[in-house]
């Protein structure tokens, strides 16, 4: 496991878990690109989303637009993607709850990370 350079939190409103996780993935990849971070260790707690990204299962219509844009975002990046269980990914769970509670998009860097994530 690497170290955290950037973290984000956002509220996506009243959507399904799959839509929220896909939007968070897209924003996270875009954040990496914007910050010049091209080596990414991606841990996804949705096995289905990981399988969709890997073209192993059919993409639901509700996330098709975002999924079609992933290959474009990944150009020039070195990405290692793996599944991790929600119970073992407390940082992602914390950030998801944080985003829902504040209701807006927030970016943290390694210096401004909430203490719980350090």
PDB file of N, CA and C in Angstrom:
ATOM      1  N   UNK A   1       0.837  -1.182   0.000  1.00  0.00           N
ATOM      2  CA  UNK A   1       0.000   0.000   0.000  1.00  0.00           C
ATOM      3  C   UNK A   1       0.880   1.242   0.000  1.00  0.00           C
ATOM      4  N   UNK A   2       0.491   2.228  -0.794  1.00  0.00           N
ATOM      5  CA  UNK A   2       1.231   3.476  -0.889  1.00  0.00           C
ATOM      6  C   UNK A   2       0.838   4.438   0.214  1.00  0.00           C
ATOM      7  N   UNK A   3       1.155   5.691  -0.005  1.00  0.00           N
ATOM      8  CA  UNK A   3       0.783   6.723   0.958  1.00  0.00           C
ATOM      9  C   UNK A   3      -0.205   7.678   0.309  1.00  0.00           C
ATOM     10  N   UNK A   4      -0.981   8.353   1.125  1.00  0.00           N
ATOM     11  CA  UNK A   4      -2.026   9.243   0.626  1.00  0.00           C
ATOM     12  C   UNK A   4      -1.415  10.588   0.267  1.00  0.00           C
ATOM     13  N   UNK A   5      -1.587  10.981  -0.978  1.00  0.00           N
ATOM     14  CA  UNK A   5      -1.180  12.306  -1.438  1.00  0.00           C
ATOM     15  C   UNK A   5      -2.381  13.250  -1.454  1.00  0.00           C
ATOM     16  N   UNK A   6      -3.521  12.708  -1.862  1.00  0.00           N
ATOM     17  CA  UNK A   6      -4.735  13.503  -1.998  1.00  0.00           C
ATOM     18  C   UNK A   6      -5.921  12.678  -1.536  1.00  0.00           C
ATOM     19  N   UNK A   7      -6.926  13.348  -1.017  1.00  0.00           N
ATOM     20  CA  UNK A   7      -8.190  12.713  -0.662  1.00  0.00           C
ATOM     21  C   UNK A   7      -9.300  13.702  -0.984  1.00  0.00           C
ATOM     22  N   UNK A   8     -10.453  13.166  -1.262  1.00  0.00           N
ATOM     23  CA  UNK A   8     -11.585  14.020  -1.597  1.00  0.00           C
ATOM     24  C   UNK A   8     -12.829  13.520  -0.893  1.00  0.00           C
ATOM     25  N   UNK A   9     -13.754  14.417  -0.692  1.00  0.00           N
ATOM     26  CA  UNK A   9     -15.062  14.074  -0.140  1.00  0.00           C
ATOM     27  C   UNK A   9     -16.097  14.891  -0.886  1.00  0.00           C
ATOM     28  N   UNK A  10     -17.249  14.272  -1.114  1.00  0.00           N
ATOM     29  CA  UNK A  10     -18.308  14.972  -1.823  1.00  0.00           C
ATOM     30  C   UNK A  10     -19.646  14.360  -1.459  1.00  0.00           C
ATOM     31  N   UNK A  11     -20.691  15.118  -1.659  1.00  0.00           N
ATOM     32  CA  UNK A  11     -22.050  14.622  -1.515  1.00  0.00           C
ATOM     33  C   UNK A  11     -22.658  14.561  -2.908  1.00  0.00           C
ATOM     34  N   UNK A  12     -23.197  13.408  -3.261  1.00  0.00           N
ATOM     35  CA  UNK A  12     -23.767  13.233  -4.592  1.00  0.00           C
ATOM     36  C   UNK A  12     -25.293  13.240  -4.584  1.00  0.00           C
ATOM     37  N   UNK A  13     -25.871  13.586  -3.462  1.00  0.00           N
ATOM     38  CA  UNK A  13     -27.326  13.649  -3.390  1.00  0.00           C
ATOM     39  C   UNK A  13     -27.940  12.268  -3.242  1.00  0.00           C
ATOM     40  N   UNK A  14     -29.156  12.153  -3.692  1.00  0.00           N
ATOM     41  CA  UNK A  14     -29.934  10.927  -3.536  1.00  0.00           C
ATOM     42  C   UNK A  14     -29.702  10.020  -4.745  1.00  0.00           C
ATOM     43  N   UNK A  15     -28.609   9.248  -4.700  1.00  0.00           N
ATOM     44  CA  UNK A  15     -28.265   8.334  -5.784  1.00  0.00           C
ATOM     45  C   UNK A  15     -27.925   6.967  -5.193  1.00  0.00           C
ATOM     46  N   UNK A  16     -27.807   5.976  -6.055  1.00  0.00           N
ATOM     47  CA  UNK A  16     -27.441   4.637  -5.593  1.00  0.00           C
ATOM     48  C   UNK A  16     -25.962   4.597  -5.214  1.00  0.00           C
ATOM     49  N   UNK A  17     -25.562   3.560  -4.482  1.00  0.00           N
ATOM     50  CA  UNK A  17     -24.158   3.372  -4.129  1.00  0.00           C
ATOM     51  C   UNK A  17     -23.292   3.293  -5.378  1.00  0.00           C
ATOM     52  N   UNK A  18     -23.771   2.587  -6.399  1.00  0.00           N
ATOM     53  CA  UNK A  18     -22.987   2.408  -7.626  1.00  0.00           C
ATOM     54  C   UNK A  18     -22.736   3.749  -8.312  1.00  0.00           C
ATOM     55  N   UNK A  19     -23.754   4.585  -8.385  1.00  0.00           N
ATOM     56  CA  UNK A  19     -23.594   5.908  -8.999  1.00  0.00           C
ATOM     57  C   UNK A  19     -22.620   6.751  -8.172  1.00  0.00           C
ATOM     58  N   UNK A  20     -22.783   6.763  -6.857  1.00  0.00           N
ATOM     59  CA  UNK A  20     -21.899   7.556  -5.996  1.00  0.00           C
ATOM     60  C   UNK A  20     -20.456   7.072  -6.093  1.00  0.00           C
ATOM     61  N   UNK A  21     -20.241   5.758  -6.082  1.00  0.00           N
ATOM     62  CA  UNK A  21     -18.876   5.238  -6.156  1.00  0.00           C
ATOM     63  C   UNK A  21     -18.243   5.520  -7.517  1.00  0.00           C
ATOM     64  N   UNK A  22     -19.043   5.464  -8.570  1.00  0.00           N
ATOM     65  CA  UNK A  22     -18.526   5.760  -9.907  1.00  0.00           C
ATOM     66  C   UNK A  22     -18.154   7.235 -10.021  1.00  0.00           C
ATOM     67  N   UNK A  23     -19.008   8.113  -9.520  1.00  0.00           N
ATOM     68  CA  UNK A  23     -18.705   9.542  -9.546  1.00  0.00           C
ATOM     69  C   UNK A  23     -17.458   9.852  -8.723  1.00  0.00           C
ATOM     70  N   UNK A  24     -17.326   9.216  -7.558  1.00  0.00           N
ATOM     71  CA  UNK A  24     -16.148   9.421  -6.722  1.00  0.00           C
ATOM     72  C   UNK A  24     -14.888   8.933  -7.436  1.00  0.00           C
ATOM     73  N   UNK A  25     -14.987   7.813  -8.121  1.00  0.00           N
ATOM     74  CA  UNK A  25     -13.852   7.294  -8.893  1.00  0.00           C
ATOM     75  C   UNK A  25     -13.446   8.278  -9.982  1.00  0.00           C
ATOM     76  N   UNK A  26     -14.413   8.784 -10.714  1.00  0.00           N
ATOM     77  CA  UNK A  26     -14.122   9.736 -11.786  1.00  0.00           C
ATOM     78  C   UNK A  26     -13.482  11.006 -11.227  1.00  0.00           C
ATOM     79  N   UNK A  27     -14.018  11.533 -10.142  1.00  0.00           N
ATOM     80  CA  UNK A  27     -13.443  12.736  -9.546  1.00  0.00           C
ATOM     81  C   UNK A  27     -12.045  12.463  -9.008  1.00  0.00           C
ATOM     82  N   UNK A  28     -11.848  11.283  -8.453  1.00  0.00           N
ATOM     83  CA  UNK A  28     -10.527  10.923  -7.933  1.00  0.00           C
ATOM     84  C   UNK A  28      -9.493  10.823  -9.032  1.00  0.00           C
ATOM     85  N   UNK A  29      -9.860  10.196 -10.148  1.00  0.00           N
ATOM     86  CA  UNK A  29      -8.931  10.106 -11.279  1.00  0.00           C
ATOM     87  C   UNK A  29      -8.626  11.491 -11.833  1.00  0.00           C
ATOM     88  N   UNK A  30      -9.651  12.328 -11.950  1.00  0.00           N
ATOM     89  CA  UNK A  30      -9.442  13.689 -12.440  1.00  0.00           C
ATOM     90  C   UNK A  30      -8.551  14.478 -11.496  1.00  0.00           C
ATOM     91  N   UNK A  31      -8.714  14.283 -10.191  1.00  0.00           N
ATOM     92  CA  UNK A  31      -7.871  14.944  -9.200  1.00  0.00           C
ATOM     93  C   UNK A  31      -6.413  14.516  -9.381  1.00  0.00           C
ATOM     94  N   UNK A  32      -6.179  13.232  -9.591  1.00  0.00           N
ATOM     95  CA  UNK A  32      -4.811  12.739  -9.817  1.00  0.00           C
ATOM     96  C   UNK A  32      -4.200  13.402 -11.045  1.00  0.00           C
ATOM     97  N   UNK A  33      -4.970  13.484 -12.117  1.00  0.00           N
ATOM     98  CA  UNK A  33      -4.482  14.110 -13.350  1.00  0.00           C
ATOM     99  C   UNK A  33      -4.158  15.577 -13.094  1.00  0.00           C
ATOM    100  N   UNK A  34      -5.078  16.278 -12.460  1.00  0.00           N
ATOM    101  CA  UNK A  34      -4.881  17.710 -12.192  1.00  0.00           C
ATOM    102  C   UNK A  34      -3.658  17.977 -11.328  1.00  0.00           C
ATOM    103  N   UNK A  35      -3.326  17.057 -10.440  1.00  0.00           N
ATOM    104  CA  UNK A  35      -2.203  17.239  -9.529  1.00  0.00           C
ATOM    105  C   UNK A  35      -0.912  16.612 -10.066  1.00  0.00           C
ATOM    106  N   UNK A  36      -0.988  16.010 -11.241  1.00  0.00           N
ATOM    107  CA  UNK A  36       0.204  15.412 -11.838  1.00  0.00           C
ATOM    108  C   UNK A  36       0.608  14.083 -11.216  1.00  0.00           C
ATOM    109  N   UNK A  37      -0.308  13.437 -10.526  1.00  0.00           N
ATOM    110  CA  UNK A  37      -0.049  12.125  -9.927  1.00  0.00           C
ATOM    111  C   UNK A  37      -0.432  11.067 -10.945  1.00  0.00           C
ATOM    112  N   UNK A  38       0.553  10.447 -11.558  1.00  0.00           N
ATOM    113  CA  UNK A  38       0.285   9.514 -12.645  1.00  0.00           C
ATOM    114  C   UNK A  38       0.472   8.056 -12.252  1.00  0.00           C
ATOM    115  N   UNK A  39       0.980   7.798 -11.061  1.00  0.00           N
ATOM    116  CA  UNK A  39       1.054   6.434 -10.533  1.00  0.00           C
ATOM    117  C   UNK A  39       0.003   6.325  -9.441  1.00  0.00           C
ATOM    118  N   UNK A  40      -1.022   5.519  -9.694  1.00  0.00           N
ATOM    119  CA  UNK A  40      -2.174   5.473  -8.811  1.00  0.00           C
ATOM    120  C   UNK A  40      -2.425   4.052  -8.352  1.00  0.00           C
ATOM    121  N   UNK A  41      -2.634   3.909  -7.063  1.00  0.00           N
ATOM    122  CA  UNK A  41      -3.051   2.643  -6.475  1.00  0.00           C
ATOM    123  C   UNK A  41      -4.519   2.797  -6.119  1.00  0.00           C
ATOM    124  N   UNK A  42      -5.379   2.191  -6.909  1.00  0.00           N
ATOM    125  CA  UNK A  42      -6.820   2.351  -6.783  1.00  0.00           C
ATOM    126  C   UNK A  42      -7.391   1.175  -6.008  1.00  0.00           C
ATOM    127  N   UNK A  43      -8.011   1.469  -4.877  1.00  0.00           N
ATOM    128  CA  UNK A  43      -8.682   0.449  -4.080  1.00  0.00           C
ATOM    129  C   UNK A  43     -10.175   0.726  -4.123  1.00  0.00           C
ATOM    130  N   UNK A  44     -10.929  -0.223  -4.637  1.00  0.00           N
ATOM    131  CA  UNK A  44     -12.365  -0.070  -4.823  1.00  0.00           C
ATOM    132  C   UNK A  44     -13.070  -1.053  -3.898  1.00  0.00           C
ATOM    133  N   UNK A  45     -14.052  -0.574  -3.109  1.00  0.00           N
ATOM    134  CA  UNK A  45     -14.743  -1.518  -2.242  1.00  0.00           C
ATOM    135  C   UNK A  45     -15.980  -2.108  -2.894  1.00  0.00           C
ATOM    136  N   UNK A  46     -16.241  -1.752  -4.136  1.00  0.00           N
ATOM    137  CA  UNK A  46     -17.317  -2.371  -4.909  1.00  0.00           C
ATOM    138  C   UNK A  46     -16.692  -3.317  -5.927  1.00  0.00           C
ATOM    139  N   UNK A  47     -16.805  -4.609  -5.660  1.00  0.00           N
ATOM    140  CA  UNK A  47     -16.259  -5.601  -6.583  1.00  0.00           C
ATOM    141  C   UNK A  47     -16.929  -5.487  -7.955  1.00  0.00           C
ATOM    142  N   UNK A  48     -18.212  -5.192  -7.967  1.00  0.00           N
ATOM    143  CA  UNK A  48     -18.925  -5.038  -9.239  1.00  0.00           C
ATOM    144  C   UNK A  48     -18.348  -3.872 -10.035  1.00  0.00           C
ATOM    145  N   UNK A  49     -18.082  -2.738  -9.383  1.00  0.00           N
ATOM    146  CA  UNK A  49     -17.505  -1.588 -10.089  1.00  0.00           C
ATOM    147  C   UNK A  49     -16.134  -1.946 -10.658  1.00  0.00           C
ATOM    148  N   UNK A  50     -15.329  -2.655  -9.894  1.00  0.00           N
ATOM    149  CA  UNK A  50     -14.019  -3.080 -10.394  1.00  0.00           C
ATOM    150  C   UNK A  50     -14.183  -3.974 -11.616  1.00  0.00           C
ATOM    151  N   UNK A  51     -15.130  -4.905 -11.576  1.00  0.00           N
ATOM    152  CA  UNK A  51     -15.364  -5.794 -12.712  1.00  0.00           C
ATOM    153  C   UNK A  51     -15.884  -5.028 -13.919  1.00  0.00           C
ATOM    154  N   UNK A  52     -16.672  -3.984 -13.691  1.00  0.00           N
ATOM    155  CA  UNK A  52     -17.151  -3.139 -14.793  1.00  0.00           C
ATOM    156  C   UNK A  52     -15.971  -2.419 -15.440  1.00  0.00           C
ATOM    157  N   UNK A  53     -15.099  -1.852 -14.623  1.00  0.00           N
ATOM    158  CA  UNK A  53     -13.920  -1.144 -15.129  1.00  0.00           C
ATOM    159  C   UNK A  53     -13.038  -2.080 -15.947  1.00  0.00           C
ATOM    160  N   UNK A  54     -12.946  -3.328 -15.502  1.00  0.00           N
ATOM    161  CA  UNK A  54     -12.118  -4.323 -16.185  1.00  0.00           C
ATOM    162  C   UNK A  54     -12.843  -4.995 -17.350  1.00  0.00           C
ATOM    163  N   UNK A  55     -14.047  -4.512 -17.680  1.00  0.00           N
ATOM    164  CA  UNK A  55     -14.864  -5.061 -18.773  1.00  0.00           C
ATOM    165  C   UNK A  55     -15.192  -6.533 -18.584  1.00  0.00           C
ATOM    166  N   UNK A  56     -15.394  -6.948 -17.344  1.00  0.00           N
ATOM    167  CA  UNK A  56     -15.739  -8.344 -17.050  1.00  0.00           C
ATOM    168  C   UNK A  56     -17.239  -8.555 -16.912  1.00  0.00           C
ATOM    169  N   UNK A  57     -17.978  -7.468 -16.633  1.00  0.00           N
ATOM    170  CA  UNK A  57     -19.429  -7.549 -16.517  1.00  0.00           C
ATOM    171  C   UNK A  57     -20.054  -6.358 -17.249  1.00  0.00           C
ATOM    172  N   UNK A  58     -21.330  -6.482 -17.526  1.00  0.00           N
ATOM    173  CA  UNK A  58     -22.082  -5.447 -18.247  1.00  0.00           C
ATOM    174  C   UNK A  58     -22.183  -4.163 -17.407  1.00  0.00           C
ATOM    175  N   UNK A  59     -22.103  -3.021 -18.065  1.00  0.00           N
ATOM    176  CA  UNK A  59     -22.217  -1.718 -17.404  1.00  0.00           C
ATOM    177  C   UNK A  59     -23.686  -1.298 -17.323  1.00  0.00           C
ATOM    178  N   UNK A  60     -24.187  -1.029 -16.128  1.00  0.00           N
ATOM    179  CA  UNK A  60     -25.564  -0.529 -16.008  1.00  0.00           C
ATOM    180  C   UNK A  60     -25.703   0.840 -16.683  1.00  0.00           C
ATOM    181  N   UNK A  61     -26.878   1.120 -17.217  1.00  0.00           N
ATOM    182  CA  UNK A  61     -27.102   2.381 -17.926  1.00  0.00           C
ATOM    183  C   UNK A  61     -26.847   3.580 -17.027  1.00  0.00           C
ATOM    184  N   UNK A  62     -27.096   3.434 -15.709  1.00  0.00           N
ATOM    185  CA  UNK A  62     -26.993   4.577 -14.798  1.00  0.00           C
ATOM    186  C   UNK A  62     -25.564   5.114 -14.653  1.00  0.00           C
ATOM    187  N   UNK A  63     -24.567   4.316 -15.036  1.00  0.00           N
ATOM    188  CA  UNK A  63     -23.172   4.773 -14.935  1.00  0.00           C
ATOM    189  C   UNK A  63     -22.434   4.667 -16.264  1.00  0.00           C
ATOM    190  N   UNK A  64     -23.148   4.373 -17.332  1.00  0.00           N
ATOM    191  CA  UNK A  64     -22.516   4.131 -18.632  1.00  0.00           C
ATOM    192  C   UNK A  64     -21.699   5.328 -19.113  1.00  0.00           C
ATOM    193  N   UNK A  65     -22.212   6.537 -18.947  1.00  0.00           N
ATOM    194  CA  UNK A  65     -21.492   7.726 -19.413  1.00  0.00           C
ATOM    195  C   UNK A  65     -20.139   7.839 -18.726  1.00  0.00           C
ATOM    196  N   UNK A  66     -20.130   7.715 -17.398  1.00  0.00           N
ATOM    197  CA  UNK A  66     -18.885   7.824 -16.647  1.00  0.00           C
ATOM    198  C   UNK A  66     -17.911   6.707 -17.015  1.00  0.00           C
ATOM    199  N   UNK A  67     -18.404   5.502 -17.134  1.00  0.00           N
ATOM    200  CA  UNK A  67     -17.544   4.354 -17.447  1.00  0.00           C
ATOM    201  C   UNK A  67     -16.900   4.523 -18.821  1.00  0.00           C
ATOM    202  N   UNK A  68     -17.629   5.075 -19.776  1.00  0.00           N
ATOM    203  CA  UNK A  68     -17.062   5.294 -21.124  1.00  0.00           C
ATOM    204  C   UNK A  68     -15.895   6.279 -21.086  1.00  0.00           C
ATOM    205  N   UNK A  69     -15.875   7.170 -20.099  1.00  0.00           N
ATOM    206  CA  UNK A  69     -14.817   8.181 -20.009  1.00  0.00           C
ATOM    207  C   UNK A  69     -13.573   7.706 -19.261  1.00  0.00           C
ATOM    208  N   UNK A  70     -13.643   6.591 -18.574  1.00  0.00           N
ATOM    209  CA  UNK A  70     -12.498   6.116 -17.789  1.00  0.00           C
ATOM    210  C   UNK A  70     -11.263   5.854 -18.644  1.00  0.00           C
ATOM    211  N   UNK A  71     -11.354   5.163 -19.789  1.00  0.00           N
ATOM    212  CA  UNK A  71     -10.135   4.942 -20.587  1.00  0.00           C
ATOM    213  C   UNK A  71      -9.432   6.242 -20.980  1.00  0.00           C
ATOM    214  N   UNK A  72     -10.198   7.284 -21.276  1.00  0.00           N
ATOM    215  CA  UNK A  72      -9.601   8.585 -21.608  1.00  0.00           C
ATOM    216  C   UNK A  72      -8.827   9.140 -20.420  1.00  0.00           C
ATOM    217  N   UNK A  73      -9.399   9.031 -19.231  1.00  0.00           N
ATOM    218  CA  UNK A  73      -8.727   9.536 -18.033  1.00  0.00           C
ATOM    219  C   UNK A  73      -7.465   8.736 -17.706  1.00  0.00           C
ATOM    220  N   UNK A  74      -7.474   7.463 -18.009  1.00  0.00           N
ATOM    221  CA  UNK A  74      -6.351   6.594 -17.650  1.00  0.00           C
ATOM    222  C   UNK A  74      -5.159   6.706 -18.602  1.00  0.00           C
ATOM    223  N   UNK A  75      -5.328   7.381 -19.735  1.00  0.00           N
ATOM    224  CA  UNK A  75      -4.224   7.525 -20.685  1.00  0.00           C
ATOM    225  C   UNK A  75      -3.045   8.198 -20.013  1.00  0.00           C
ATOM    226  N   UNK A  76      -1.885   7.560 -20.096  1.00  0.00           N
ATOM    227  CA  UNK A  76      -0.670   8.120 -19.527  1.00  0.00           C
ATOM    228  C   UNK A  76      -0.500   7.855 -18.044  1.00  0.00           C
ATOM    229  N   UNK A  77      -1.462   7.153 -17.439  1.00  0.00           N
ATOM    230  CA  UNK A  77      -1.369   6.843 -16.014  1.00  0.00           C
ATOM    231  C   UNK A  77      -0.957   5.385 -15.828  1.00  0.00           C
ATOM    232  N   UNK A  78      -0.291   5.128 -14.729  1.00  0.00           N
ATOM    233  CA  UNK A  78       0.023   3.766 -14.317  1.00  0.00           C
ATOM    234  C   UNK A  78      -0.880   3.456 -13.135  1.00  0.00           C
ATOM    235  N   UNK A  79      -1.887   2.606 -13.375  1.00  0.00           N
ATOM    236  CA  UNK A  79      -2.909   2.354 -12.368  1.00  0.00           C
ATOM    237  C   UNK A  79      -2.913   0.886 -11.965  1.00  0.00           C
ATOM    238  N   UNK A  80      -2.880   0.669 -10.677  1.00  0.00           N
ATOM    239  CA  UNK A  80      -3.046  -0.664 -10.110  1.00  0.00           C
ATOM    240  C   UNK A  80      -4.397  -0.661  -9.407  1.00  0.00           C
ATOM    241  N   UNK A  81      -5.331  -1.490  -9.868  1.00  0.00           N
ATOM    242  CA  UNK A  81      -6.674  -1.505  -9.292  1.00  0.00           C
ATOM    243  C   UNK A  81      -6.921  -2.826  -8.576  1.00  0.00           C
ATOM    244  N   UNK A  82      -7.495  -2.723  -7.392  1.00  0.00           N
ATOM    245  CA  UNK A  82      -7.804  -3.932  -6.629  1.00  0.00           C
ATOM    246  C   UNK A  82      -9.070  -3.718  -5.809  1.00  0.00           C
ATOM    247  N   UNK A  83      -9.675  -4.829  -5.428  1.00  0.00           N
ATOM    248  CA  UNK A  83     -10.865  -4.792  -4.578  1.00  0.00           C
ATOM    249  C   UNK A  83     -10.433  -4.871  -3.125  1.00  0.00           C
ATOM    250  N   UNK A  84     -11.071  -4.073  -2.299  1.00  0.00           N
ATOM    251  CA  UNK A  84     -10.857  -4.134  -0.856  1.00  0.00           C
ATOM    252  C   UNK A  84     -12.222  -4.094  -0.184  1.00  0.00           C
ATOM    253  N   UNK A  85     -12.379  -4.883   0.845  1.00  0.00           N
ATOM    254  CA  UNK A  85     -13.661  -4.901   1.538  1.00  0.00           C
ATOM    255  C   UNK A  85     -13.877  -3.606   2.308  1.00  0.00           C
ATOM    256  N   UNK A  86     -15.133  -3.171   2.331  1.00  0.00           N
ATOM    257  CA  UNK A  86     -15.485  -1.916   2.996  1.00  0.00           C
ATOM    258  C   UNK A  86     -14.983  -1.896   4.440  1.00  0.00           C
ATOM    259  N   UNK A  87     -15.078  -3.024   5.112  1.00  0.00           N
ATOM    260  CA  UNK A  87     -14.680  -3.089   6.517  1.00  0.00           C
ATOM    261  C   UNK A  87     -13.193  -2.807   6.708  1.00  0.00           C
ATOM    262  N   UNK A  88     -12.389  -3.114   5.685  1.00  0.00           N
ATOM    263  CA  UNK A  88     -10.947  -2.877   5.806  1.00  0.00           C
ATOM    264  C   UNK A  88     -10.526  -1.543   5.209  1.00  0.00           C
ATOM    265  N   UNK A  89     -11.456  -0.814   4.617  1.00  0.00           N
ATOM    266  CA  UNK A  89     -11.145   0.472   4.014  1.00  0.00           C
ATOM    267  C   UNK A  89     -11.854   1.581   4.786  1.00  0.00           C
ATOM    268  N   UNK A  90     -11.467   1.754   6.033  1.00  0.00           N
ATOM    269  CA  UNK A  90     -12.116   2.723   6.897  1.00  0.00           C
ATOM    270  C   UNK A  90     -11.903   4.158   6.428  1.00  0.00           C
ATOM    271  N   UNK A  91     -10.802   4.423   5.746  1.00  0.00           N
ATOM    272  CA  UNK A  91     -10.547   5.778   5.247  1.00  0.00           C
ATOM    273  C   UNK A  91     -11.606   6.178   4.223  1.00  0.00           C
ATOM    274  N   UNK A  92     -11.908   5.292   3.280  1.00  0.00           N
ATOM    275  CA  UNK A  92     -12.923   5.594   2.261  1.00  0.00           C
ATOM    276  C   UNK A  92     -14.291   5.769   2.902  1.00  0.00           C
ATOM    277  N   UNK A  93     -14.605   4.930   3.880  1.00  0.00           N
ATOM    278  CA  UNK A  93     -15.880   5.026   4.579  1.00  0.00           C
ATOM    279  C   UNK A  93     -15.978   6.366   5.317  1.00  0.00           C
ATOM    280  N   UNK A  94     -14.897   6.763   5.974  1.00  0.00           N
ATOM    281  CA  UNK A  94     -14.861   8.044   6.678  1.00  0.00           C
ATOM    282  C   UNK A  94     -15.085   9.202   5.702  1.00  0.00           C
ATOM    283  N   UNK A  95     -14.396   9.165   4.558  1.00  0.00           N
ATOM    284  CA  UNK A  95     -14.519  10.259   3.586  1.00  0.00           C
ATOM    285  C   UNK A  95     -15.919  10.305   2.976  1.00  0.00           C
ATOM    286  N   UNK A  96     -16.523   9.147   2.742  1.00  0.00           N
ATOM    287  CA  UNK A  96     -17.889   9.118   2.208  1.00  0.00           C
ATOM    288  C   UNK A  96     -18.861   9.754   3.197  1.00  0.00           C
ATOM    289  N   UNK A  97     -18.748   9.396   4.449  1.00  0.00           N
ATOM    290  CA  UNK A  97     -19.614   9.988   5.477  1.00  0.00           C
ATOM    291  C   UNK A  97     -19.341  11.477   5.642  1.00  0.00           C
ATOM    292  N   UNK A  98     -18.076  11.853   5.592  1.00  0.00           N
ATOM    293  CA  UNK A  98     -17.692  13.255   5.701  1.00  0.00           C
ATOM    294  C   UNK A  98     -18.345  14.063   4.577  1.00  0.00           C
ATOM    295  N   UNK A  99     -18.251  13.558   3.349  1.00  0.00           N
ATOM    296  CA  UNK A  99     -18.841  14.251   2.206  1.00  0.00           C
ATOM    297  C   UNK A  99     -20.341  14.407   2.334  1.00  0.00           C
ATOM    298  N   UNK A 100     -21.012  13.367   2.796  1.00  0.00           N
ATOM    299  CA  UNK A 100     -22.467  13.447   2.977  1.00  0.00           C
ATOM    300  C   UNK A 100     -22.826  14.479   4.035  1.00  0.00           C
ATOM    301  N   UNK A 101     -22.028  14.552   5.078  1.00  0.00           N
ATOM    302  CA  UNK A 101     -22.336  15.477   6.173  1.00  0.00           C
ATOM    303  C   UNK A 101     -22.088  16.939   5.814  1.00  0.00           C
ATOM    304  N   UNK A 102     -21.053  17.227   5.020  1.00  0.00           N
ATOM    305  CA  UNK A 102     -20.775  18.635   4.710  1.00  0.00           C
ATOM    306  C   UNK A 102     -21.511  19.116   3.467  1.00  0.00           C
ATOM    307  N   UNK A 103     -21.889  18.178   2.593  1.00  0.00           N
ATOM    308  CA  UNK A 103     -22.710  18.532   1.442  1.00  0.00           C
ATOM    309  C   UNK A 103     -22.015  19.309   0.342  1.00  0.00           C
ATOM    310  N   UNK A 104     -20.697  19.261   0.286  1.00  0.00           N
ATOM    311  CA  UNK A 104     -19.978  19.940  -0.792  1.00  0.00           C
ATOM    312  C   UNK A 104     -18.678  19.187  -1.083  1.00  0.00           C
ATOM    313  N   UNK A 105     -18.024  19.564  -2.172  1.00  0.00           N
ATOM    314  CA  UNK A 105     -16.782  18.919  -2.597  1.00  0.00           C
ATOM    315  C   UNK A 105     -15.597  19.530  -1.859  1.00  0.00           C
ATOM    316  N   UNK A 106     -14.792  18.673  -1.249  1.00  0.00           N
ATOM    317  CA  UNK A 106     -13.617  19.115  -0.502  1.00  0.00           C
ATOM    318  C   UNK A 106     -12.425  18.262  -0.909  1.00  0.00           C
ATOM    319  N   UNK A 107     -11.274  18.890  -1.096  1.00  0.00           N
ATOM    320  CA  UNK A 107     -10.032  18.190  -1.415  1.00  0.00           C
ATOM    321  C   UNK A 107      -9.047  18.404  -0.271  1.00  0.00           C
ATOM    322  N   UNK A 108      -8.371  17.334   0.101  1.00  0.00           N
ATOM    323  CA  UNK A 108      -7.323  17.394   1.114  1.00  0.00           C
ATOM    324  C   UNK A 108      -6.010  16.953   0.489  1.00  0.00           C
ATOM    325  N   UNK A 109      -4.914  17.513   0.951  1.00  0.00           N
ATOM    326  CA  UNK A 109      -3.601  16.988   0.559  1.00  0.00           C
ATOM    327  C   UNK A 109      -2.982  16.325   1.782  1.00  0.00           C
ATOM    328  N   UNK A 110      -1.771  15.810   1.634  1.00  0.00           N
ATOM    329  CA  UNK A 110      -1.169  15.058   2.742  1.00  0.00           C
ATOM    330  C   UNK A 110      -0.949  15.917   3.987  1.00  0.00           C
ATOM    331  N   UNK A 111      -0.948  17.224   3.841  1.00  0.00           N
ATOM    332  CA  UNK A 111      -0.757  18.106   4.982  1.00  0.00           C
ATOM    333  C   UNK A 111      -2.064  18.505   5.663  1.00  0.00           C
ATOM    334  N   UNK A 112      -3.168  18.480   4.902  1.00  0.00           N
ATOM    335  CA  UNK A 112      -4.449  18.917   5.448  1.00  0.00           C
ATOM    336  C   UNK A 112      -5.419  17.767   5.714  1.00  0.00           C
ATOM    337  N   UNK A 113      -4.950  16.534   5.573  1.00  0.00           N
ATOM    338  CA  UNK A 113      -5.819  15.374   5.823  1.00  0.00           C
ATOM    339  C   UNK A 113      -6.388  15.416   7.233  1.00  0.00           C
ATOM    340  N   UNK A 114      -7.645  15.034   7.389  1.00  0.00           N
ATOM    341  CA  UNK A 114      -8.184  14.910   8.747  1.00  0.00           C
ATOM    342  C   UNK A 114      -7.314  13.932   9.547  1.00  0.00           C
ATOM    343  N   UNK A 115      -7.127  14.221  10.793  1.00  0.00           N
ATOM    344  CA  UNK A 115      -6.238  13.425  11.661  1.00  0.00           C
ATOM    345  C   UNK A 115      -6.563  11.934  11.603  1.00  0.00           C
ATOM    346  N   UNK A 116      -7.826  11.608  11.489  1.00  0.00           N
ATOM    347  CA  UNK A 116      -8.251  10.199  11.455  1.00  0.00           C
ATOM    348  C   UNK A 116      -7.663   9.436  10.259  1.00  0.00           C
ATOM    349  N   UNK A 117      -7.272  10.151   9.210  1.00  0.00           N
ATOM    350  CA  UNK A 117      -6.744   9.511   8.005  1.00  0.00           C
ATOM    351  C   UNK A 117      -5.223   9.419   7.970  1.00  0.00           C
ATOM    352  N   UNK A 118      -4.553  10.031   8.907  1.00  0.00           N
ATOM    353  CA  UNK A 118      -3.086  10.049   8.888  1.00  0.00           C
ATOM    354  C   UNK A 118      -2.500   8.804   9.507  1.00  0.00           C
TER     355      UNK A 118
END
